[in-house]
Amino acid sequence: MEQSSTSQAFHWMSRSEYLSTLPLWRRCLAMLNWRPVFEIEQETARLRQEKENLKQEIERLRKGNERLDAVLQYSDSNSQTPPSTDSD
């Protein structure tokens, strides 16, 4: 069973590593017409990974809150207040 790319750890590539993954014609075009596309793609990938991590953290916290609520509800239903005694 293969995992999705969003669940894998983000790998930072240097500009030269990134360019080496491109076909030759695309590499030449990138050299001639340089724009900050590489940096934008890297930042976008980093932000997507961070967003995924935050979603997982929110889900983990939500489940923790549900467990705490269940424990509090259970303890409230089992706790009995002692009868009041008048000691006048």
PDB file of N, CA and C in Angstrom:
ATOM      1  N   MET A   1       0.847  -1.177   0.000  1.00  0.00           N
ATOM      2  CA  MET A   1       0.000   0.000   0.000  1.00  0.00           C
ATOM      3  C   MET A   1       0.890   1.237   0.000  1.00  0.00           C
ATOM      4  N   GLU A   2       0.715   2.124  -0.956  1.00  0.00           N
ATOM      5  CA  GLU A   2       1.588   3.278  -1.041  1.00  0.00           C
ATOM      6  C   GLU A   2       0.974   4.472  -0.323  1.00  0.00           C
ATOM      7  N   GLN A   3       1.831   5.316   0.205  1.00  0.00           N
ATOM      8  CA  GLN A   3       1.379   6.490   0.921  1.00  0.00           C
ATOM      9  C   GLN A   3       1.302   7.664  -0.027  1.00  0.00           C
ATOM     10  N   SER A   4       0.428   8.623   0.321  1.00  0.00           N
ATOM     11  CA  SER A   4       0.336   9.808  -0.520  1.00  0.00           C
ATOM     12  C   SER A   4       1.541  10.699  -0.257  1.00  0.00           C
ATOM     13  N   SER A   5       1.830  11.565  -1.215  1.00  0.00           N
ATOM     14  CA  SER A   5       3.007  12.417  -1.089  1.00  0.00           C
ATOM     15  C   SER A   5       2.849  13.428   0.037  1.00  0.00           C
ATOM     16  N   THR A   6       1.611  13.763   0.425  1.00  0.00           N
ATOM     17  CA  THR A   6       1.426  14.732   1.489  1.00  0.00           C
ATOM     18  C   THR A   6       1.777  14.154   2.841  1.00  0.00           C
ATOM     19  N   SER A   7       1.719  12.819   2.983  1.00  0.00           N
ATOM     20  CA  SER A   7       2.033  12.235   4.273  1.00  0.00           C
ATOM     21  C   SER A   7       3.524  11.991   4.437  1.00  0.00           C
ATOM     22  N   GLN A   8       4.274  12.112   3.368  1.00  0.00           N
ATOM     23  CA  GLN A   8       5.710  11.919   3.463  1.00  0.00           C
ATOM     24  C   GLN A   8       6.360  13.206   3.938  1.00  0.00           C
ATOM     25  N   ALA A   9       7.511  13.073   4.553  1.00  0.00           N
ATOM     26  CA  ALA A   9       8.229  14.239   5.054  1.00  0.00           C
ATOM     27  C   ALA A   9       8.687  15.107   3.883  1.00  0.00           C
ATOM     28  N   PHE A  10       8.656  16.393   4.104  1.00  0.00           N
ATOM     29  CA  PHE A  10       9.052  17.348   3.078  1.00  0.00           C
ATOM     30  C   PHE A  10      10.564  17.304   2.921  1.00  0.00           C
ATOM     31  N   HIS A  11      11.033  17.205   1.670  1.00  0.00           N
ATOM     32  CA  HIS A  11      12.465  17.171   1.390  1.00  0.00           C
ATOM     33  C   HIS A  11      12.853  18.457   0.689  1.00  0.00           C
ATOM     34  N   TRP A  12      13.755  19.195   1.273  1.00  0.00           N
ATOM     35  CA  TRP A  12      14.214  20.440   0.682  1.00  0.00           C
ATOM     36  C   TRP A  12      15.251  20.138  -0.381  1.00  0.00           C
ATOM     37  N   MET A  13      15.073  20.717  -1.579  1.00  0.00           N
ATOM     38  CA  MET A  13      16.028  20.556  -2.674  1.00  0.00           C
ATOM     39  C   MET A  13      16.696  21.889  -2.943  1.00  0.00           C
ATOM     40  N   SER A  14      17.958  21.832  -3.227  1.00  0.00           N
ATOM     41  CA  SER A  14      18.641  23.058  -3.648  1.00  0.00           C
ATOM     42  C   SER A  14      18.194  23.380  -5.078  1.00  0.00           C
ATOM     43  N   ARG A  15      18.481  24.585  -5.502  1.00  0.00           N
ATOM     44  CA  ARG A  15      18.093  24.987  -6.860  1.00  0.00           C
ATOM     45  C   ARG A  15      18.755  24.080  -7.897  1.00  0.00           C
ATOM     46  N   SER A  16      20.023  23.750  -7.689  1.00  0.00           N
ATOM     47  CA  SER A  16      20.709  22.902  -8.663  1.00  0.00           C
ATOM     48  C   SER A  16      20.118  21.492  -8.684  1.00  0.00           C
ATOM     49  N   GLU A  17      19.733  20.968  -7.526  1.00  0.00           N
ATOM     50  CA  GLU A  17      19.079  19.647  -7.491  1.00  0.00           C
ATOM     51  C   GLU A  17      17.753  19.693  -8.248  1.00  0.00           C
ATOM     52  N   TYR A  18      17.016  20.771  -8.014  1.00  0.00           N
ATOM     53  CA  TYR A  18      15.734  20.930  -8.705  1.00  0.00           C
ATOM     54  C   TYR A  18      15.935  20.989 -10.213  1.00  0.00           C
ATOM     55  N   LEU A  19      16.897  21.800 -10.657  1.00  0.00           N
ATOM     56  CA  LEU A  19      17.143  21.931 -12.088  1.00  0.00           C
ATOM     57  C   LEU A  19      17.591  20.600 -12.696  1.00  0.00           C
ATOM     58  N   SER A  20      18.320  19.809 -11.939  1.00  0.00           N
ATOM     59  CA  SER A  20      18.791  18.529 -12.476  1.00  0.00           C
ATOM     60  C   SER A  20      17.640  17.541 -12.696  1.00  0.00           C
ATOM     61  N   THR A  21      16.502  17.767 -12.062  1.00  0.00           N
ATOM     62  CA  THR A  21      15.352  16.881 -12.266  1.00  0.00           C
ATOM     63  C   THR A  21      14.567  17.237 -13.523  1.00  0.00           C
ATOM     64  N   LEU A  22      14.851  18.412 -14.085  1.00  0.00           N
ATOM     65  CA  LEU A  22      14.113  18.866 -15.268  1.00  0.00           C
ATOM     66  C   LEU A  22      14.743  18.328 -16.547  1.00  0.00           C
ATOM     67  N   PRO A  23      13.930  18.204 -17.603  1.00  0.00           N
ATOM     68  CA  PRO A  23      14.508  17.841 -18.900  1.00  0.00           C
ATOM     69  C   PRO A  23      15.436  18.961 -19.382  1.00  0.00           C
ATOM     70  N   LEU A  24      16.334  18.625 -20.284  1.00  0.00           N
ATOM     71  CA  LEU A  24      17.338  19.577 -20.750  1.00  0.00           C
ATOM     72  C   LEU A  24      16.716  20.850 -21.306  1.00  0.00           C
ATOM     73  N   TRP A  25      15.684  20.728 -22.135  1.00  0.00           N
ATOM     74  CA  TRP A  25      15.064  21.923 -22.720  1.00  0.00           C
ATOM     75  C   TRP A  25      14.483  22.817 -21.645  1.00  0.00           C
ATOM     76  N   ARG A  26      13.920  22.223 -20.584  1.00  0.00           N
ATOM     77  CA  ARG A  26      13.322  23.003 -19.504  1.00  0.00           C
ATOM     78  C   ARG A  26      14.412  23.661 -18.655  1.00  0.00           C
ATOM     79  N   ARG A  27      15.536  22.965 -18.495  1.00  0.00           N
ATOM     80  CA  ARG A  27      16.668  23.510 -17.763  1.00  0.00           C
ATOM     81  C   ARG A  27      17.213  24.746 -18.476  1.00  0.00           C
ATOM     82  N   CYS A  28      17.373  24.640 -19.792  1.00  0.00           N
ATOM     83  CA  CYS A  28      17.868  25.783 -20.580  1.00  0.00           C
ATOM     84  C   CYS A  28      16.905  26.955 -20.491  1.00  0.00           C
ATOM     85  N   LEU A  29      15.643  26.655 -20.597  1.00  0.00           N
ATOM     86  CA  LEU A  29      14.630  27.712 -20.496  1.00  0.00           C
ATOM     87  C   LEU A  29      14.685  28.377 -19.120  1.00  0.00           C
ATOM     88  N   ALA A  30      14.853  27.577 -18.090  1.00  0.00           N
ATOM     89  CA  ALA A  30      14.942  28.125 -16.740  1.00  0.00           C
ATOM     90  C   ALA A  30      16.168  29.012 -16.584  1.00  0.00           C
ATOM     91  N   MET A  31      17.265  28.620 -17.216  1.00  0.00           N
ATOM     92  CA  MET A  31      18.485  29.428 -17.131  1.00  0.00           C
ATOM     93  C   MET A  31      18.322  30.746 -17.894  1.00  0.00           C
ATOM     94  N   LEU A  32      17.687  30.685 -19.064  1.00  0.00           N
ATOM     95  CA  LEU A  32      17.519  31.894 -19.875  1.00  0.00           C
ATOM     96  C   LEU A  32      16.470  32.836 -19.307  1.00  0.00           C
ATOM     97  N   ASN A  33      15.408  32.287 -18.832  1.00  0.00           N
ATOM     98  CA  ASN A  33      14.278  33.089 -18.388  1.00  0.00           C
ATOM     99  C   ASN A  33      14.040  32.843 -16.900  1.00  0.00           C
ATOM    100  N   TRP A  34      15.012  33.196 -16.085  1.00  0.00           N
ATOM    101  CA  TRP A  34      14.915  32.884 -14.661  1.00  0.00           C
ATOM    102  C   TRP A  34      13.834  33.718 -13.998  1.00  0.00           C
ATOM    103  N   ARG A  35      13.019  33.028 -13.301  1.00  0.00           N
ATOM    104  CA  ARG A  35      12.007  33.655 -12.454  1.00  0.00           C
ATOM    105  C   ARG A  35      12.020  32.876 -11.150  1.00  0.00           C
ATOM    106  N   PRO A  36      11.487  33.431 -10.098  1.00  0.00           N
ATOM    107  CA  PRO A  36      11.555  32.738  -8.813  1.00  0.00           C
ATOM    108  C   PRO A  36      10.581  31.566  -8.698  1.00  0.00           C
ATOM    109  N   VAL A  37      10.383  30.831  -9.787  1.00  0.00           N
ATOM    110  CA  VAL A  37       9.449  29.704  -9.790  1.00  0.00           C
ATOM    111  C   VAL A  37       9.898  28.628  -8.812  1.00  0.00           C
ATOM    112  N   PHE A  38      11.175  28.341  -8.805  1.00  0.00           N
ATOM    113  CA  PHE A  38      11.695  27.305  -7.916  1.00  0.00           C
ATOM    114  C   PHE A  38      11.389  27.639  -6.452  1.00  0.00           C
ATOM    115  N   GLU A  39      11.696  28.870  -6.072  1.00  0.00           N
ATOM    116  CA  GLU A  39      11.461  29.278  -4.691  1.00  0.00           C
ATOM    117  C   GLU A  39       9.972  29.250  -4.357  1.00  0.00           C
ATOM    118  N   ILE A  40       9.149  29.649  -5.310  1.00  0.00           N
ATOM    119  CA  ILE A  40       7.700  29.638  -5.091  1.00  0.00           C
ATOM    120  C   ILE A  40       7.210  28.203  -4.926  1.00  0.00           C
ATOM    121  N   GLU A  41       7.692  27.302  -5.762  1.00  0.00           N
ATOM    122  CA  GLU A  41       7.283  25.898  -5.655  1.00  0.00           C
ATOM    123  C   GLU A  41       7.740  25.293  -4.333  1.00  0.00           C
ATOM    124  N   GLN A  42       8.956  25.617  -3.913  1.00  0.00           N
ATOM    125  CA  GLN A  42       9.458  25.109  -2.642  1.00  0.00           C
ATOM    126  C   GLN A  42       8.632  25.650  -1.476  1.00  0.00           C
ATOM    127  N   GLU A  43       8.335  26.922  -1.492  1.00  0.00           N
ATOM    128  CA  GLU A  43       7.543  27.528  -0.425  1.00  0.00           C
ATOM    129  C   GLU A  43       6.135  26.955  -0.413  1.00  0.00           C
ATOM    130  N   THR A  44       5.555  26.753  -1.592  1.00  0.00           N
ATOM    131  CA  THR A  44       4.221  26.157  -1.683  1.00  0.00           C
ATOM    132  C   THR A  44       4.216  24.750  -1.103  1.00  0.00           C
ATOM    133  N   ALA A  45       5.222  23.970  -1.444  1.00  0.00           N
ATOM    134  CA  ALA A  45       5.310  22.608  -0.908  1.00  0.00           C
ATOM    135  C   ALA A  45       5.488  22.635   0.600  1.00  0.00           C
ATOM    136  N   ARG A  46       6.310  23.549   1.096  1.00  0.00           N
ATOM    137  CA  ARG A  46       6.516  23.662   2.543  1.00  0.00           C
ATOM    138  C   ARG A  46       5.229  24.056   3.251  1.00  0.00           C
ATOM    139  N   LEU A  47       4.496  25.000   2.678  1.00  0.00           N
ATOM    140  CA  LEU A  47       3.236  25.446   3.278  1.00  0.00           C
ATOM    141  C   LEU A  47       2.181  24.339   3.255  1.00  0.00           C
ATOM    142  N   ARG A  48       2.147  23.561   2.173  1.00  0.00           N
ATOM    143  CA  ARG A  48       1.202  22.441   2.116  1.00  0.00           C
ATOM    144  C   ARG A  48       1.511  21.415   3.198  1.00  0.00           C
ATOM    145  N   GLN A  49       2.792  21.124   3.387  1.00  0.00           N
ATOM    146  CA  GLN A  49       3.192  20.169   4.419  1.00  0.00           C
ATOM    147  C   GLN A  49       2.849  20.710   5.805  1.00  0.00           C
ATOM    148  N   GLU A  50       3.100  21.991   6.014  1.00  0.00           N
ATOM    149  CA  GLU A  50       2.781  22.606   7.302  1.00  0.00           C
ATOM    150  C   GLU A  50       1.274  22.578   7.551  1.00  0.00           C
ATOM    151  N   LYS A  51       0.494  22.841   6.507  1.00  0.00           N
ATOM    152  CA  LYS A  51      -0.963  22.794   6.628  1.00  0.00           C
ATOM    153  C   LYS A  51      -1.422  21.387   7.006  1.00  0.00           C
ATOM    154  N   GLU A  52      -0.842  20.387   6.359  1.00  0.00           N
ATOM    155  CA  GLU A  52      -1.185  18.988   6.668  1.00  0.00           C
ATOM    156  C   GLU A  52      -0.818  18.653   8.110  1.00  0.00           C
ATOM    157  N   ASN A  53       0.362  19.106   8.543  1.00  0.00           N
ATOM    158  CA  ASN A  53       0.774  18.866   9.927  1.00  0.00           C
ATOM    159  C   ASN A  53      -0.176  19.528  10.913  1.00  0.00           C
ATOM    160  N   LEU A  54      -0.604  20.746  10.599  1.00  0.00           N
ATOM    161  CA  LEU A  54      -1.532  21.448  11.481  1.00  0.00           C
ATOM    162  C   LEU A  54      -2.892  20.748  11.532  1.00  0.00           C
ATOM    163  N   LYS A  55      -3.359  20.232  10.394  1.00  0.00           N
ATOM    164  CA  LYS A  55      -4.615  19.484  10.383  1.00  0.00           C
ATOM    165  C   LYS A  55      -4.517  18.254  11.275  1.00  0.00           C
ATOM    166  N   GLN A  56      -3.382  17.556  11.187  1.00  0.00           N
ATOM    167  CA  GLN A  56      -3.182  16.369  12.019  1.00  0.00           C
ATOM    168  C   GLN A  56      -3.127  16.746  13.499  1.00  0.00           C
ATOM    169  N   GLU A  57      -2.475  17.861  13.805  1.00  0.00           N
ATOM    170  CA  GLU A  57      -2.386  18.322  15.191  1.00  0.00           C
ATOM    171  C   GLU A  57      -3.768  18.711  15.718  1.00  0.00           C
ATOM    172  N   ILE A  58      -4.543  19.395  14.898  1.00  0.00           N
ATOM    173  CA  ILE A  58      -5.899  19.778  15.299  1.00  0.00           C
ATOM    174  C   ILE A  58      -6.742  18.532  15.562  1.00  0.00           C
ATOM    175  N   GLU A  59      -6.632  17.548  14.696  1.00  0.00           N
ATOM    176  CA  GLU A  59      -7.388  16.299  14.879  1.00  0.00           C
ATOM    177  C   GLU A  59      -6.954  15.592  16.160  1.00  0.00           C
ATOM    178  N   ARG A  60      -5.650  15.581  16.411  1.00  0.00           N
ATOM    179  CA  ARG A  60      -5.136  14.944  17.637  1.00  0.00           C
ATOM    180  C   ARG A  60      -5.665  15.664  18.877  1.00  0.00           C
ATOM    181  N   LEU A  61      -5.656  16.990  18.841  1.00  0.00           N
ATOM    182  CA  LEU A  61      -6.162  17.772  19.968  1.00  0.00           C
ATOM    183  C   LEU A  61      -7.670  17.591  20.146  1.00  0.00           C
ATOM    184  N   ARG A  62      -8.401  17.511  19.036  1.00  0.00           N
ATOM    185  CA  ARG A  62      -9.850  17.306  19.107  1.00  0.00           C
ATOM    186  C   ARG A  62     -10.170  15.978  19.784  1.00  0.00           C
ATOM    187  N   LYS A  63      -9.434  14.928  19.399  1.00  0.00           N
ATOM    188  CA  LYS A  63      -9.651  13.623  20.017  1.00  0.00           C
ATOM    189  C   LYS A  63      -9.290  13.652  21.497  1.00  0.00           C
ATOM    190  N   GLY A  64      -8.228  14.357  21.835  1.00  0.00           N
ATOM    191  CA  GLY A  64      -7.840  14.496  23.240  1.00  0.00           C
ATOM    192  C   GLY A  64      -8.909  15.213  24.040  1.00  0.00           C
ATOM    193  N   ASN A  65      -9.483  16.264  23.458  1.00  0.00           N
ATOM    194  CA  ASN A  65     -10.564  16.985  24.131  1.00  0.00           C
ATOM    195  C   ASN A  65     -11.784  16.099  24.325  1.00  0.00           C
ATOM    196  N   GLU A  66     -12.098  15.280  23.332  1.00  0.00           N
ATOM    197  CA  GLU A  66     -13.228  14.361  23.464  1.00  0.00           C
ATOM    198  C   GLU A  66     -12.993  13.381  24.608  1.00  0.00           C
ATOM    199  N   ARG A  67     -11.768  12.869  24.708  1.00  0.00           N
ATOM    200  CA  ARG A  67     -11.449  11.938  25.800  1.00  0.00           C
ATOM    201  C   ARG A  67     -11.556  12.632  27.154  1.00  0.00           C
ATOM    202  N   LEU A  68     -11.048  13.865  27.248  1.00  0.00           N
ATOM    203  CA  LEU A  68     -11.144  14.604  28.504  1.00  0.00           C
ATOM    204  C   LEU A  68     -12.600  14.886  28.871  1.00  0.00           C
ATOM    205  N   ASP A  69     -13.403  15.262  27.883  1.00  0.00           N
ATOM    206  CA  ASP A  69     -14.823  15.496  28.135  1.00  0.00           C
ATOM    207  C   ASP A  69     -15.497  14.232  28.643  1.00  0.00           C
ATOM    208  N   ALA A  70     -15.152  13.085  28.053  1.00  0.00           N
ATOM    209  CA  ALA A  70     -15.741  11.819  28.483  1.00  0.00           C
ATOM    210  C   ALA A  70     -15.331  11.498  29.920  1.00  0.00           C
ATOM    211  N   VAL A  71     -14.075  11.733  30.259  1.00  0.00           N
ATOM    212  CA  VAL A  71     -13.612  11.476  31.621  1.00  0.00           C
ATOM    213  C   VAL A  71     -14.318  12.399  32.604  1.00  0.00           C
ATOM    214  N   LEU A  72     -14.419  13.679  32.260  1.00  0.00           N
ATOM    215  CA  LEU A  72     -15.108  14.630  33.146  1.00  0.00           C
ATOM    216  C   LEU A  72     -16.574  14.273  33.316  1.00  0.00           C
ATOM    217  N   GLN A  73     -17.220  13.888  32.235  1.00  0.00           N
ATOM    218  CA  GLN A  73     -18.627  13.518  32.303  1.00  0.00           C
ATOM    219  C   GLN A  73     -18.796  12.275  33.172  1.00  0.00           C
ATOM    220  N   TYR A  74     -17.910  11.311  33.024  1.00  0.00           N
ATOM    221  CA  TYR A  74     -17.964  10.089  33.824  1.00  0.00           C
ATOM    222  C   TYR A  74     -17.732  10.402  35.303  1.00  0.00           C
ATOM    223  N   SER A  75     -16.745  11.253  35.581  1.00  0.00           N
ATOM    224  CA  SER A  75     -16.458  11.574  36.981  1.00  0.00           C
ATOM    225  C   SER A  75     -17.587  12.387  37.604  1.00  0.00           C
ATOM    226  N   ASP A  76     -18.230  13.261  36.814  1.00  0.00           N
ATOM    227  CA  ASP A  76     -19.363  14.040  37.335  1.00  0.00           C
ATOM    228  C   ASP A  76     -20.554  13.145  37.632  1.00  0.00           C
ATOM    229  N   SER A  77     -20.790  12.159  36.774  1.00  0.00           N
ATOM    230  CA  SER A  77     -21.948  11.286  36.984  1.00  0.00           C
ATOM    231  C   SER A  77     -21.722  10.325  38.146  1.00  0.00           C
ATOM    232  N   ASN A  78     -20.473   9.992  38.453  1.00  0.00           N
ATOM    233  CA  ASN A  78     -20.178   9.070  39.545  1.00  0.00           C
ATOM    234  C   ASN A  78     -19.940   9.767  40.877  1.00  0.00           C
ATOM    235  N   SER A  79     -19.709  11.051  40.854  1.00  0.00           N
ATOM    236  CA  SER A  79     -19.460  11.747  42.120  1.00  0.00           C
ATOM    237  C   SER A  79     -20.787  12.046  42.791  1.00  0.00           C
ATOM    238  N   GLN A  80     -20.824  11.758  44.053  1.00  0.00           N
ATOM    239  CA  GLN A  80     -22.030  12.028  44.824  1.00  0.00           C
ATOM    240  C   GLN A  80     -21.685  13.074  45.858  1.00  0.00           C
ATOM    241  N   THR A  81     -22.540  14.041  45.975  1.00  0.00           N
ATOM    242  CA  THR A  81     -22.306  15.061  46.982  1.00  0.00           C
ATOM    243  C   THR A  81     -22.721  14.504  48.334  1.00  0.00           C
ATOM    244  N   PRO A  82     -21.901  14.688  49.328  1.00  0.00           N
ATOM    245  CA  PRO A  82     -22.269  14.169  50.642  1.00  0.00           C
ATOM    246  C   PRO A  82     -23.478  14.908  51.170  1.00  0.00           C
ATOM    247  N   PRO A  83     -24.319  14.210  51.914  1.00  0.00           N
ATOM    248  CA  PRO A  83     -25.511  14.886  52.461  1.00  0.00           C
ATOM    249  C   PRO A  83     -25.087  15.989  53.424  1.00  0.00           C
ATOM    250  N   SER A  84     -25.814  17.070  53.361  1.00  0.00           N
ATOM    251  CA  SER A  84     -25.471  18.196  54.237  1.00  0.00           C
ATOM    252  C   SER A  84     -25.915  17.876  55.655  1.00  0.00           C
ATOM    253  N   THR A  85     -25.066  18.209  56.585  1.00  0.00           N
ATOM    254  CA  THR A  85     -25.405  17.979  57.989  1.00  0.00           C
ATOM    255  C   THR A  85     -25.447  19.323  58.673  1.00  0.00           C
ATOM    256  N   ASP A  86     -26.490  19.520  59.405  1.00  0.00           N
ATOM    257  CA  ASP A  86     -26.638  20.762  60.170  1.00  0.00           C
ATOM    258  C   ASP A  86     -26.048  20.532  61.555  1.00  0.00           C
ATOM    259  N   SER A  87     -25.043  21.221  61.858  1.00  0.00           N
ATOM    260  CA  SER A  87     -24.428  21.072  63.182  1.00  0.00           C
ATOM    261  C   SER A  87     -24.570  22.372  63.937  1.00  0.00           C
ATOM    262  N   ASP A  88     -25.800  22.618  64.391  1.00  0.00           N
ATOM    263  CA  ASP A  88     -26.061  23.852  65.169  1.00  0.00           C
ATOM    264  C   ASP A  88     -25.938  23.614  66.618  1.00  0.00           C
TER     265      ASP A  88
END
